[in-house]
Amino acid sequence: MTDRSRKVIGYFAFASLSEVVCTGDQGDACVISGSVRAMKDFLTEIDPDGQKGHTVKKTRFGEILRGLKLGAAYGFDEESYKKFYPLARKEGLSVEKADFDEMKGKGFQFFTVQLKNL
């Protein structure tokens, strides 16, 4: 495992093993937030009454990379994408720079990454 693989990118949340928190505005992409607070704010937004009882966990670059290679999509907030992007480029992934100011102007808060041609 490389040092890159161990780097914490952010946090994901789940209600059960089969129910991971995903973006609602751009499809089914697992939400990765840059902080626990940002994830809890998003959870409050999508589940104001807290009925699902979500668990928030740290996620590392290696875990995200494995998911991407299996076809998963990830929706990064600005803070988490700042951590993910340089590591992904070093890994040789063809990922785009994200313009979060432009995205927010269009009502999007997450930048979705999914590998093509697996």
N, C-alpha and C. Protein backbone atom coordinates (compact mmCIF):
# COMPACT_ATOMS: atom_id res chain seq x y z
N MET A 1 0.85 -1.18 0.00
CA MET A 1 0.00 0.00 0.00
C MET A 1 0.90 1.24 0.00
N THR A 2 0.65 2.14 -0.92
CA THR A 2 1.46 3.36 -1.00
C THR A 2 1.02 4.37 0.05
N ASP A 3 1.89 5.33 0.31
CA ASP A 3 1.53 6.42 1.22
C ASP A 3 0.30 7.14 0.70
N ARG A 4 0.22 7.28 -0.62
CA ARG A 4 -0.92 7.93 -1.26
C ARG A 4 -2.22 7.23 -0.88
N SER A 5 -2.21 5.92 -0.85
CA SER A 5 -3.41 5.14 -0.55
C SER A 5 -3.93 5.38 0.86
N ARG A 6 -3.04 5.74 1.76
CA ARG A 6 -3.42 5.94 3.17
C ARG A 6 -3.94 7.34 3.48
N LYS A 7 -3.81 8.26 2.55
CA LYS A 7 -4.21 9.65 2.79
C LYS A 7 -5.72 9.74 2.96
N VAL A 8 -6.14 10.40 4.02
CA VAL A 8 -7.57 10.61 4.26
C VAL A 8 -8.05 11.71 3.31
N ILE A 9 -9.09 11.39 2.56
CA ILE A 9 -9.67 12.34 1.61
C ILE A 9 -10.86 13.06 2.24
N GLY A 10 -11.62 12.34 3.03
CA GLY A 10 -12.79 12.94 3.65
C GLY A 10 -13.62 11.90 4.36
N TYR A 11 -14.94 12.11 4.32
CA TYR A 11 -15.87 11.28 5.07
C TYR A 11 -17.05 10.88 4.20
N PHE A 12 -17.53 9.66 4.43
CA PHE A 12 -18.76 9.19 3.78
C PHE A 12 -19.72 8.78 4.88
N ALA A 13 -20.97 8.58 4.52
CA ALA A 13 -21.97 8.20 5.53
C ALA A 13 -22.85 7.10 4.98
N PHE A 14 -23.37 6.29 5.88
CA PHE A 14 -24.28 5.22 5.49
C PHE A 14 -25.31 4.98 6.59
N ALA A 15 -26.47 4.50 6.16
CA ALA A 15 -27.52 4.13 7.11
C ALA A 15 -27.49 2.63 7.37
N SER A 16 -27.03 1.88 6.37
CA SER A 16 -26.86 0.43 6.47
C SER A 16 -25.80 0.03 5.46
N LEU A 17 -25.41 -1.23 5.45
CA LEU A 17 -24.39 -1.69 4.51
C LEU A 17 -24.80 -1.48 3.05
N SER A 18 -26.09 -1.49 2.80
CA SER A 18 -26.57 -1.32 1.42
C SER A 18 -27.11 0.08 1.14
N GLU A 19 -27.02 0.98 2.11
CA GLU A 19 -27.58 2.32 1.92
C GLU A 19 -26.55 3.40 2.28
N VAL A 20 -25.71 3.69 1.27
CA VAL A 20 -24.70 4.73 1.39
C VAL A 20 -25.32 6.05 0.96
N VAL A 21 -24.93 7.15 1.60
CA VAL A 21 -25.46 8.46 1.25
C VAL A 21 -24.91 8.88 -0.11
N CYS A 22 -25.83 9.18 -1.03
CA CYS A 22 -25.46 9.55 -2.39
C CYS A 22 -26.00 10.92 -2.73
N THR A 23 -25.42 11.50 -3.78
CA THR A 23 -25.89 12.79 -4.27
C THR A 23 -27.28 12.63 -4.85
N GLY A 24 -28.11 13.62 -4.67
CA GLY A 24 -29.44 13.58 -5.24
C GLY A 24 -29.54 14.44 -6.48
N ASP A 25 -28.62 15.40 -6.61
CA ASP A 25 -28.71 16.34 -7.71
C ASP A 25 -27.99 15.88 -8.97
N GLN A 26 -27.09 14.95 -8.86
CA GLN A 26 -26.33 14.52 -10.03
C GLN A 26 -26.34 13.00 -10.22
N GLY A 27 -27.26 12.31 -9.62
CA GLY A 27 -27.32 10.86 -9.79
C GLY A 27 -26.80 10.11 -8.58
N ASP A 28 -26.44 8.89 -8.81
CA ASP A 28 -26.01 8.02 -7.73
C ASP A 28 -24.50 8.03 -7.57
N ALA A 29 -24.01 8.99 -6.83
CA ALA A 29 -22.58 9.08 -6.52
C ALA A 29 -22.45 9.17 -5.01
N CYS A 30 -21.59 8.36 -4.46
CA CYS A 30 -21.34 8.35 -3.02
C CYS A 30 -20.77 9.70 -2.60
N VAL A 31 -21.40 10.35 -1.65
CA VAL A 31 -20.95 11.66 -1.19
C VAL A 31 -19.70 11.53 -0.34
N ILE A 32 -18.69 12.34 -0.69
CA ILE A 32 -17.47 12.44 0.11
C ILE A 32 -17.35 13.89 0.55
N SER A 33 -17.40 14.11 1.85
CA SER A 33 -17.28 15.47 2.38
C SER A 33 -15.89 15.66 2.96
N GLY A 34 -15.45 16.90 3.02
CA GLY A 34 -14.12 17.20 3.52
C GLY A 34 -14.01 17.20 5.03
N SER A 35 -15.14 17.19 5.72
CA SER A 35 -15.11 17.20 7.19
C SER A 35 -16.35 16.49 7.73
N VAL A 36 -16.26 16.09 8.97
CA VAL A 36 -17.42 15.47 9.64
C VAL A 36 -18.55 16.49 9.70
N ARG A 37 -18.22 17.74 10.03
CA ARG A 37 -19.24 18.80 10.13
C ARG A 37 -19.98 18.98 8.80
N ALA A 38 -19.23 19.00 7.69
CA ALA A 38 -19.86 19.16 6.37
C ALA A 38 -20.78 17.98 6.08
N MET A 39 -20.37 16.78 6.46
CA MET A 39 -21.23 15.60 6.22
C MET A 39 -22.47 15.70 7.08
N LYS A 40 -22.33 16.08 8.33
CA LYS A 40 -23.50 16.19 9.21
C LYS A 40 -24.45 17.27 8.71
N ASP A 41 -23.92 18.35 8.18
CA ASP A 41 -24.77 19.39 7.60
C ASP A 41 -25.55 18.85 6.41
N PHE A 42 -24.88 18.06 5.55
CA PHE A 42 -25.56 17.47 4.40
C PHE A 42 -26.62 16.47 4.85
N LEU A 43 -26.30 15.68 5.85
CA LEU A 43 -27.27 14.70 6.37
C LEU A 43 -28.51 15.42 6.92
N THR A 44 -28.31 16.54 7.59
CA THR A 44 -29.44 17.32 8.10
C THR A 44 -30.28 17.84 6.95
N GLU A 45 -29.62 18.21 5.87
CA GLU A 45 -30.32 18.71 4.68
C GLU A 45 -31.20 17.62 4.05
N ILE A 46 -30.68 16.39 3.96
CA ILE A 46 -31.44 15.33 3.29
C ILE A 46 -32.34 14.53 4.23
N ASP A 47 -32.05 14.59 5.53
CA ASP A 47 -32.83 13.85 6.52
C ASP A 47 -32.98 14.72 7.77
N PRO A 48 -33.78 15.79 7.66
CA PRO A 48 -33.87 16.78 8.74
C PRO A 48 -34.26 16.21 10.11
N ASP A 49 -35.04 15.14 10.12
CA ASP A 49 -35.47 14.55 11.38
C ASP A 49 -34.51 13.49 11.91
N GLY A 50 -33.47 13.19 11.15
CA GLY A 50 -32.49 12.20 11.58
C GLY A 50 -33.06 10.81 11.74
N GLN A 51 -34.02 10.45 10.92
CA GLN A 51 -34.70 9.16 11.06
C GLN A 51 -33.84 7.97 10.65
N LYS A 52 -32.86 8.19 9.80
CA LYS A 52 -32.07 7.07 9.28
C LYS A 52 -30.94 6.64 10.20
N GLY A 53 -30.50 7.48 11.11
CA GLY A 53 -29.41 7.10 12.00
C GLY A 53 -28.12 6.78 11.25
N HIS A 54 -27.61 7.74 10.50
CA HIS A 54 -26.41 7.54 9.69
C HIS A 54 -25.14 7.41 10.53
N THR A 55 -24.22 6.64 10.00
CA THR A 55 -22.88 6.51 10.56
C THR A 55 -21.94 7.26 9.62
N VAL A 56 -21.05 8.07 10.17
CA VAL A 56 -20.07 8.82 9.38
C VAL A 56 -18.71 8.19 9.61
N LYS A 57 -18.01 7.89 8.50
CA LYS A 57 -16.69 7.25 8.60
C LYS A 57 -15.68 7.96 7.71
N LYS A 58 -14.44 7.90 8.11
CA LYS A 58 -13.31 8.40 7.34
C LYS A 58 -13.13 7.54 6.09
N THR A 59 -12.70 8.15 4.99
CA THR A 59 -12.35 7.35 3.81
C THR A 59 -11.01 7.80 3.26
N ARG A 60 -10.25 6.85 2.81
CA ARG A 60 -8.89 7.10 2.33
C ARG A 60 -8.82 6.99 0.81
N PHE A 61 -7.76 7.54 0.25
CA PHE A 61 -7.60 7.54 -1.20
C PHE A 61 -7.66 6.12 -1.77
N GLY A 62 -6.99 5.18 -1.13
CA GLY A 62 -6.96 3.80 -1.63
C GLY A 62 -8.35 3.18 -1.69
N GLU A 63 -9.20 3.49 -0.72
CA GLU A 63 -10.57 2.96 -0.71
C GLU A 63 -11.38 3.56 -1.86
N ILE A 64 -11.21 4.85 -2.08
CA ILE A 64 -11.93 5.50 -3.19
C ILE A 64 -11.43 4.96 -4.52
N LEU A 65 -10.12 4.80 -4.66
CA LEU A 65 -9.55 4.28 -5.90
C LEU A 65 -10.08 2.88 -6.20
N ARG A 66 -10.16 2.03 -5.19
CA ARG A 66 -10.72 0.67 -5.40
C ARG A 66 -12.17 0.77 -5.87
N GLY A 67 -12.95 1.63 -5.23
CA GLY A 67 -14.34 1.81 -5.64
C GLY A 67 -14.46 2.31 -7.06
N LEU A 68 -13.64 3.28 -7.43
CA LEU A 68 -13.66 3.79 -8.80
C LEU A 68 -13.35 2.68 -9.81
N LYS A 69 -12.37 1.86 -9.49
CA LYS A 69 -11.99 0.76 -10.39
C LYS A 69 -13.08 -0.29 -10.51
N LEU A 70 -13.98 -0.33 -9.52
CA LEU A 70 -15.12 -1.26 -9.58
C LEU A 70 -16.35 -0.62 -10.24
N GLY A 71 -16.20 0.64 -10.67
CA GLY A 71 -17.29 1.31 -11.38
C GLY A 71 -18.10 2.29 -10.54
N ALA A 72 -17.73 2.49 -9.29
CA ALA A 72 -18.48 3.41 -8.43
C ALA A 72 -18.24 4.86 -8.86
N ALA A 73 -19.18 5.70 -8.51
CA ALA A 73 -19.07 7.15 -8.73
C ALA A 73 -19.02 7.82 -7.37
N TYR A 74 -18.24 8.89 -7.27
CA TYR A 74 -18.11 9.64 -6.03
C TYR A 74 -18.42 11.10 -6.27
N GLY A 75 -19.19 11.69 -5.38
CA GLY A 75 -19.52 13.11 -5.43
C GLY A 75 -18.74 13.82 -4.33
N PHE A 76 -17.71 14.57 -4.72
CA PHE A 76 -16.84 15.26 -3.78
C PHE A 76 -17.31 16.68 -3.53
N ASP A 77 -17.23 17.12 -2.27
CA ASP A 77 -17.41 18.55 -2.01
C ASP A 77 -16.07 19.22 -2.27
N GLU A 78 -16.04 20.53 -2.18
CA GLU A 78 -14.83 21.28 -2.54
C GLU A 78 -13.62 20.88 -1.70
N GLU A 79 -13.79 20.77 -0.41
CA GLU A 79 -12.68 20.44 0.48
C GLU A 79 -12.10 19.06 0.19
N SER A 80 -12.96 18.07 0.00
CA SER A 80 -12.46 16.71 -0.26
C SER A 80 -11.83 16.60 -1.64
N TYR A 81 -12.36 17.34 -2.62
CA TYR A 81 -11.80 17.25 -3.97
C TYR A 81 -10.41 17.87 -4.02
N LYS A 82 -10.17 18.88 -3.20
CA LYS A 82 -8.83 19.48 -3.13
C LYS A 82 -7.80 18.45 -2.66
N LYS A 83 -8.22 17.51 -1.85
CA LYS A 83 -7.33 16.46 -1.36
C LYS A 83 -7.22 15.33 -2.38
N PHE A 84 -8.34 15.01 -3.02
CA PHE A 84 -8.39 13.89 -3.96
C PHE A 84 -7.67 14.19 -5.27
N TYR A 85 -7.88 15.36 -5.84
CA TYR A 85 -7.41 15.69 -7.18
C TYR A 85 -5.90 15.48 -7.39
N PRO A 86 -5.03 16.05 -6.55
CA PRO A 86 -3.59 15.85 -6.82
C PRO A 86 -3.16 14.40 -6.69
N LEU A 87 -3.77 13.67 -5.78
CA LEU A 87 -3.42 12.25 -5.62
C LEU A 87 -3.89 11.44 -6.82
N ALA A 88 -5.07 11.76 -7.32
CA ALA A 88 -5.61 11.07 -8.50
C ALA A 88 -4.72 11.32 -9.71
N ARG A 89 -4.27 12.55 -9.88
CA ARG A 89 -3.38 12.88 -11.01
C ARG A 89 -2.06 12.12 -10.89
N LYS A 90 -1.51 12.04 -9.67
CA LYS A 90 -0.26 11.30 -9.45
C LYS A 90 -0.46 9.81 -9.75
N GLU A 91 -1.68 9.34 -9.52
CA GLU A 91 -2.01 7.94 -9.77
C GLU A 91 -2.21 7.68 -11.27
N GLY A 92 -2.26 8.75 -12.06
CA GLY A 92 -2.44 8.62 -13.51
C GLY A 92 -3.89 8.66 -13.96
N LEU A 93 -4.79 9.03 -13.06
CA LEU A 93 -6.20 9.12 -13.44
C LEU A 93 -6.45 10.41 -14.22
N SER A 94 -7.27 10.30 -15.23
CA SER A 94 -7.61 11.46 -16.05
C SER A 94 -8.83 12.15 -15.44
N VAL A 95 -8.58 12.93 -14.39
CA VAL A 95 -9.66 13.64 -13.72
C VAL A 95 -9.54 15.13 -14.02
N GLU A 96 -10.67 15.79 -14.03
CA GLU A 96 -10.71 17.20 -14.37
C GLU A 96 -10.56 18.07 -13.13
N LYS A 97 -10.08 19.29 -13.35
CA LYS A 97 -10.13 20.30 -12.28
C LYS A 97 -11.58 20.68 -12.12
N ALA A 98 -11.98 20.93 -10.93
CA ALA A 98 -13.37 21.31 -10.66
C ALA A 98 -13.46 22.80 -10.40
N ASP A 99 -14.45 23.44 -10.99
CA ASP A 99 -14.70 24.86 -10.74
C ASP A 99 -15.93 24.94 -9.83
N PHE A 100 -15.68 24.92 -8.52
CA PHE A 100 -16.78 24.89 -7.56
C PHE A 100 -17.58 26.18 -7.55
N ASP A 101 -16.95 27.30 -7.86
CA ASP A 101 -17.70 28.56 -7.93
C ASP A 101 -18.75 28.48 -9.04
N GLU A 102 -18.35 27.98 -10.19
CA GLU A 102 -19.30 27.83 -11.31
C GLU A 102 -20.39 26.82 -10.96
N MET A 103 -19.98 25.71 -10.35
CA MET A 103 -20.94 24.67 -9.99
C MET A 103 -21.98 25.19 -9.01
N LYS A 104 -21.52 25.93 -8.00
CA LYS A 104 -22.46 26.46 -6.99
C LYS A 104 -23.45 27.43 -7.64
N GLY A 105 -22.97 28.18 -8.65
CA GLY A 105 -23.85 29.08 -9.38
C GLY A 105 -24.96 28.34 -10.12
N LYS A 106 -24.70 27.07 -10.46
CA LYS A 106 -25.69 26.24 -11.14
C LYS A 106 -26.48 25.37 -10.16
N GLY A 107 -26.20 25.53 -8.86
CA GLY A 107 -26.94 24.79 -7.85
C GLY A 107 -26.35 23.44 -7.48
N PHE A 108 -25.12 23.15 -7.92
CA PHE A 108 -24.47 21.88 -7.59
C PHE A 108 -23.46 22.09 -6.48
N GLN A 109 -23.43 21.18 -5.51
CA GLN A 109 -22.44 21.29 -4.45
C GLN A 109 -21.40 20.19 -4.50
N PHE A 110 -21.59 19.21 -5.40
CA PHE A 110 -20.66 18.08 -5.50
C PHE A 110 -20.14 17.95 -6.92
N PHE A 111 -18.88 17.53 -7.03
CA PHE A 111 -18.25 17.25 -8.31
C PHE A 111 -18.13 15.74 -8.42
N THR A 112 -18.76 15.18 -9.43
CA THR A 112 -18.82 13.71 -9.56
C THR A 112 -17.67 13.19 -10.40
N VAL A 113 -17.05 12.11 -9.90
CA VAL A 113 -15.97 11.43 -10.60
C VAL A 113 -16.37 9.96 -10.74
N GLN A 114 -16.25 9.48 -11.97
CA GLN A 114 -16.46 8.04 -12.26
C GLN A 114 -15.53 7.70 -13.42
N LEU A 115 -14.84 6.59 -13.32
CA LEU A 115 -13.93 6.18 -14.38
C LEU A 115 -14.71 5.62 -15.56
N LYS A 116 -14.25 5.95 -16.75
CA LYS A 116 -14.86 5.42 -17.97
C LYS A 116 -13.94 4.34 -18.52
N ASN A 117 -14.50 3.52 -19.39
CA ASN A 117 -13.71 2.49 -20.08
C ASN A 117 -13.01 1.54 -19.12
N LEU A 118 -13.77 1.00 -18.19
CA LEU A 118 -13.16 0.06 -17.23
C LEU A 118 -12.88 -1.26 -17.88
